[in-house]
Amino acid sequence: MTYVLDACALIALFKKEQGADKVKKLLDNALAGEDSMYMSTVNLIEVYYGFYREMKKEQAGLILEQIYKMPIHFIDAIDTAVVNEASRLKALYYIPLGDAIGLATAVTINGTFVSSDHTDLDPIEESEPISFFWLR
């Protein structure tokens, strides 16, 4: 399967929050070549700045280095398809921009969005043909 990580997935992993075991299993499967793992760099920025705020710059930098060693394909470019889908989702559901870009990335590569953000995303799951993998 193809998975697209929301920022909260890696945050859960590093903070050992509920759902961390699920993220670890997905990453293990990706490392074994069983699944593909993707993440928009916009969502990666959310992870990094969150840790940057909470701890010293050097510690946040070490976490970022660990993330870059994970079996995750980072999508740097936001192409027209992602722009269109993210804009549509944000306009219809009033979700944060990072979520809209992550979801749009999942849609455009036919992936499953890995998240724990039920508050913002439950209405989308009920209305859109987007596949979700919930961490909690």
C-alpha atoms as a PDB file:
ATOM      1  CA  MET A   1       0.000   0.000   0.000  1.00  0.00           C
ATOM      2  CA  THR A   2       0.916   3.635  -0.333  1.00  0.00           C
ATOM      3  CA  TYR A   3       0.719   5.809   2.766  1.00  0.00           C
ATOM      4  CA  VAL A   4       1.051   9.577   3.189  1.00  0.00           C
ATOM      5  CA  LEU A   5       2.021  10.754   6.657  1.00  0.00           C
ATOM      6  CA  ASP A   6       0.422  13.668   8.421  1.00  0.00           C
ATOM      7  CA  ALA A   7       2.706  15.609  10.765  1.00  0.00           C
ATOM      8  CA  CYS A   8       0.980  14.120  13.798  1.00  0.00           C
ATOM      9  CA  ALA A   9       2.196  10.639  12.795  1.00  0.00           C
ATOM     10  CA  LEU A  10       5.862  11.492  13.253  1.00  0.00           C
ATOM     11  CA  ILE A  11       5.127  13.626  16.297  1.00  0.00           C
ATOM     12  CA  ALA A  12       3.383  10.627  17.886  1.00  0.00           C
ATOM     13  CA  LEU A  13       6.355   8.428  17.044  1.00  0.00           C
ATOM     14  CA  PHE A  14       8.968  10.706  18.615  1.00  0.00           C
ATOM     15  CA  LYS A  15       6.864  11.613  21.639  1.00  0.00           C
ATOM     16  CA  LYS A  16       5.822   7.978  22.129  1.00  0.00           C
ATOM     17  CA  GLU A  17       2.177   8.992  22.057  1.00  0.00           C
ATOM     18  CA  GLN A  18      -0.781   6.742  21.383  1.00  0.00           C
ATOM     19  CA  GLY A  19      -0.433   5.430  17.835  1.00  0.00           C
ATOM     20  CA  ALA A  20       3.392   5.454  17.848  1.00  0.00           C
ATOM     21  CA  ASP A  21       3.410   1.664  17.535  1.00  0.00           C
ATOM     22  CA  LYS A  22       1.267   1.886  14.403  1.00  0.00           C
ATOM     23  CA  VAL A  23       3.616   4.421  12.820  1.00  0.00           C
ATOM     24  CA  LYS A  24       6.602   2.226  13.653  1.00  0.00           C
ATOM     25  CA  LYS A  25       4.896  -0.767  12.025  1.00  0.00           C
ATOM     26  CA  LEU A  26       4.156   1.239   8.862  1.00  0.00           C
ATOM     27  CA  LEU A  27       7.777   2.416   8.703  1.00  0.00           C
ATOM     28  CA  ASP A  28       9.032  -1.148   9.251  1.00  0.00           C
ATOM     29  CA  ASN A  29       6.825  -2.314   6.380  1.00  0.00           C
ATOM     30  CA  ALA A  30       8.172   0.470   4.165  1.00  0.00           C
ATOM     31  CA  LEU A  31      11.744  -0.461   5.089  1.00  0.00           C
ATOM     32  CA  ALA A  32      10.980  -4.076   4.138  1.00  0.00           C
ATOM     33  CA  GLY A  33       9.605  -2.908   0.781  1.00  0.00           C
ATOM     34  CA  GLU A  34       6.070  -4.034   1.592  1.00  0.00           C
ATOM     35  CA  ASP A  35       4.574  -0.542   1.530  1.00  0.00           C
ATOM     36  CA  SER A  36       5.506   2.926   0.259  1.00  0.00           C
ATOM     37  CA  MET A  37       5.658   5.900   2.592  1.00  0.00           C
ATOM     38  CA  TYR A  38       5.373   9.536   1.509  1.00  0.00           C
ATOM     39  CA  MET A  39       5.175  12.905   3.190  1.00  0.00           C
ATOM     40  CA  SER A  40       4.803  16.414   1.899  1.00  0.00           C
ATOM     41  CA  THR A  41       7.638  18.669   3.004  1.00  0.00           C
ATOM     42  CA  VAL A  42       4.938  21.057   4.215  1.00  0.00           C
ATOM     43  CA  ASN A  43       3.950  18.427   6.790  1.00  0.00           C
ATOM     44  CA  LEU A  44       7.616  17.825   7.595  1.00  0.00           C
ATOM     45  CA  ILE A  45       7.957  21.541   8.346  1.00  0.00           C
ATOM     46  CA  GLU A  46       5.090  21.181  10.829  1.00  0.00           C
ATOM     47  CA  VAL A  47       6.981  18.398  12.607  1.00  0.00           C
ATOM     48  CA  TYR A  48      10.273  20.286  12.672  1.00  0.00           C
ATOM     49  CA  TYR A  49       8.931  23.629  13.843  1.00  0.00           C
ATOM     50  CA  GLY A  50       6.931  21.906  16.575  1.00  0.00           C
ATOM     51  CA  PHE A  51      10.052  20.300  17.994  1.00  0.00           C
ATOM     52  CA  TYR A  52      12.053  23.476  17.376  1.00  0.00           C
ATOM     53  CA  ARG A  53       9.619  25.377  19.618  1.00  0.00           C
ATOM     54  CA  GLU A  54       9.708  22.761  22.371  1.00  0.00           C
ATOM     55  CA  MET A  55      13.427  22.100  22.597  1.00  0.00           C
ATOM     56  CA  LYS A  56      16.786  23.447  21.611  1.00  0.00           C
ATOM     57  CA  LYS A  57      17.496  23.955  17.936  1.00  0.00           C
ATOM     58  CA  GLU A  58      20.199  21.277  18.067  1.00  0.00           C
ATOM     59  CA  GLN A  59      17.823  18.650  19.495  1.00  0.00           C
ATOM     60  CA  ALA A  60      15.189  19.453  16.882  1.00  0.00           C
ATOM     61  CA  GLY A  61      17.901  19.190  14.235  1.00  0.00           C
ATOM     62  CA  LEU A  62      18.816  15.704  15.464  1.00  0.00           C
ATOM     63  CA  ILE A  63      15.190  14.634  15.154  1.00  0.00           C
ATOM     64  CA  LEU A  64      15.092  16.016  11.617  1.00  0.00           C
ATOM     65  CA  GLU A  65      18.236  14.031  10.753  1.00  0.00           C
ATOM     66  CA  GLN A  66      16.563  10.861  12.060  1.00  0.00           C
ATOM     67  CA  ILE A  67      13.480  11.555   9.978  1.00  0.00           C
ATOM     68  CA  TYR A  68      15.552  11.951   6.809  1.00  0.00           C
ATOM     69  CA  LYS A  69      16.988   8.468   7.415  1.00  0.00           C
ATOM     70  CA  MET A  70      13.520   6.897   7.536  1.00  0.00           C
ATOM     71  CA  PRO A  71      12.045   5.092   4.525  1.00  0.00           C
ATOM     72  CA  ILE A  72       9.909   8.097   3.610  1.00  0.00           C
ATOM     73  CA  HIS A  73       9.787   9.713   0.175  1.00  0.00           C
ATOM     74  CA  PHE A  74       9.511  13.457   0.710  1.00  0.00           C
ATOM     75  CA  ILE A  75       7.515  15.357  -1.871  1.00  0.00           C
ATOM     76  CA  ASP A  76       9.038  18.801  -2.287  1.00  0.00           C
ATOM     77  CA  ALA A  77       7.050  20.141  -5.210  1.00  0.00           C
ATOM     78  CA  ILE A  78       3.430  21.139  -4.959  1.00  0.00           C
ATOM     79  CA  ASP A  79       2.157  20.496  -8.444  1.00  0.00           C
ATOM     80  CA  THR A  80      -1.032  21.786 -10.032  1.00  0.00           C
ATOM     81  CA  ALA A  81      -3.057  18.720  -9.041  1.00  0.00           C
ATOM     82  CA  VAL A  82      -2.107  19.176  -5.372  1.00  0.00           C
ATOM     83  CA  VAL A  83      -2.790  22.927  -5.548  1.00  0.00           C
ATOM     84  CA  ASN A  84      -6.246  22.296  -6.982  1.00  0.00           C
ATOM     85  CA  GLU A  85      -7.180  19.517  -4.549  1.00  0.00           C
ATOM     86  CA  ALA A  86      -5.759  21.237  -1.467  1.00  0.00           C
ATOM     87  CA  SER A  87      -7.587  24.438  -2.368  1.00  0.00           C
ATOM     88  CA  ARG A  88     -10.852  22.563  -2.849  1.00  0.00           C
ATOM     89  CA  LEU A  89     -10.539  20.706   0.458  1.00  0.00           C
ATOM     90  CA  LYS A  90      -9.527  23.812   2.403  1.00  0.00           C
ATOM     91  CA  ALA A  91     -12.377  25.857   0.928  1.00  0.00           C
ATOM     92  CA  LEU A  92     -15.015  23.197   1.606  1.00  0.00           C
ATOM     93  CA  TYR A  93     -13.915  21.987   5.030  1.00  0.00           C
ATOM     94  CA  TYR A  94     -11.994  24.925   6.556  1.00  0.00           C
ATOM     95  CA  ILE A  95      -9.087  22.668   7.512  1.00  0.00           C
ATOM     96  CA  PRO A  96      -5.525  23.784   8.266  1.00  0.00           C
ATOM     97  CA  LEU A  97      -3.337  24.304   5.209  1.00  0.00           C
ATOM     98  CA  GLY A  98      -0.917  21.524   6.198  1.00  0.00           C
ATOM     99  CA  ASP A  99      -3.776  19.021   6.409  1.00  0.00           C
ATOM    100  CA  ALA A 100      -5.135  20.174   3.067  1.00  0.00           C
ATOM    101  CA  ILE A 101      -1.760  19.700   1.377  1.00  0.00           C
ATOM    102  CA  GLY A 102      -1.178  16.315   3.024  1.00  0.00           C
ATOM    103  CA  LEU A 103      -4.630  15.103   2.024  1.00  0.00           C
ATOM    104  CA  ALA A 104      -4.238  16.433  -1.501  1.00  0.00           C
ATOM    105  CA  THR A 105      -0.915  14.630  -1.755  1.00  0.00           C
ATOM    106  CA  ALA A 106      -2.612  11.398  -0.702  1.00  0.00           C
ATOM    107  CA  VAL A 107      -5.374  11.924  -3.254  1.00  0.00           C
ATOM    108  CA  THR A 108      -3.015  12.661  -6.148  1.00  0.00           C
ATOM    109  CA  ILE A 109      -0.818   9.603  -5.528  1.00  0.00           C
ATOM    110  CA  ASN A 110      -3.768   7.365  -4.591  1.00  0.00           C
ATOM    111  CA  GLY A 111      -2.480   6.873  -1.070  1.00  0.00           C
ATOM    112  CA  THR A 112      -3.932   6.423   2.384  1.00  0.00           C
ATOM    113  CA  PHE A 113      -3.594   9.417   4.701  1.00  0.00           C
ATOM    114  CA  VAL A 114      -2.107   8.513   8.102  1.00  0.00           C
ATOM    115  CA  SER A 115      -3.382  10.823  10.823  1.00  0.00           C
ATOM    116  CA  SER A 116      -4.896  11.124  14.275  1.00  0.00           C
ATOM    117  CA  ASP A 117      -6.620  14.441  13.606  1.00  0.00           C
ATOM    118  CA  HIS A 118     -10.248  13.353  13.843  1.00  0.00           C
ATOM    119  CA  THR A 119     -11.454  16.830  14.780  1.00  0.00           C
ATOM    120  CA  ASP A 120     -10.548  18.367  11.435  1.00  0.00           C
ATOM    121  CA  LEU A 121     -10.733  15.300   9.225  1.00  0.00           C
ATOM    122  CA  ASP A 122     -13.787  13.275  10.285  1.00  0.00           C
ATOM    123  CA  PRO A 123     -16.130  15.416   8.130  1.00  0.00           C
ATOM    124  CA  ILE A 124     -13.887  14.750   5.141  1.00  0.00           C
ATOM    125  CA  GLU A 125     -13.838  11.007   5.751  1.00  0.00           C
ATOM    126  CA  GLU A 126     -17.639  11.038   5.805  1.00  0.00           C
ATOM    127  CA  SER A 127     -17.957  13.028   2.556  1.00  0.00           C
ATOM    128  CA  GLU A 128     -14.937  12.301   0.369  1.00  0.00           C
ATOM    129  CA  PRO A 129     -13.555   9.136  -1.245  1.00  0.00           C
ATOM    130  CA  ILE A 130     -10.254   9.495   0.625  1.00  0.00           C
ATOM    131  CA  SER A 131      -8.709   6.564   2.455  1.00  0.00           C
ATOM    132  CA  PHE A 132      -7.620   7.164   6.055  1.00  0.00           C
ATOM    133  CA  PHE A 133      -5.443   5.185   8.462  1.00  0.00           C
ATOM    134  CA  TRP A 134      -6.226   6.398  11.953  1.00  0.00           C
ATOM    135  CA  LEU A 135      -3.541   6.267  14.631  1.00  0.00           C
ATOM    136  CA  ARG A 136      -6.038   6.681  17.466  1.00  0.00           C
END
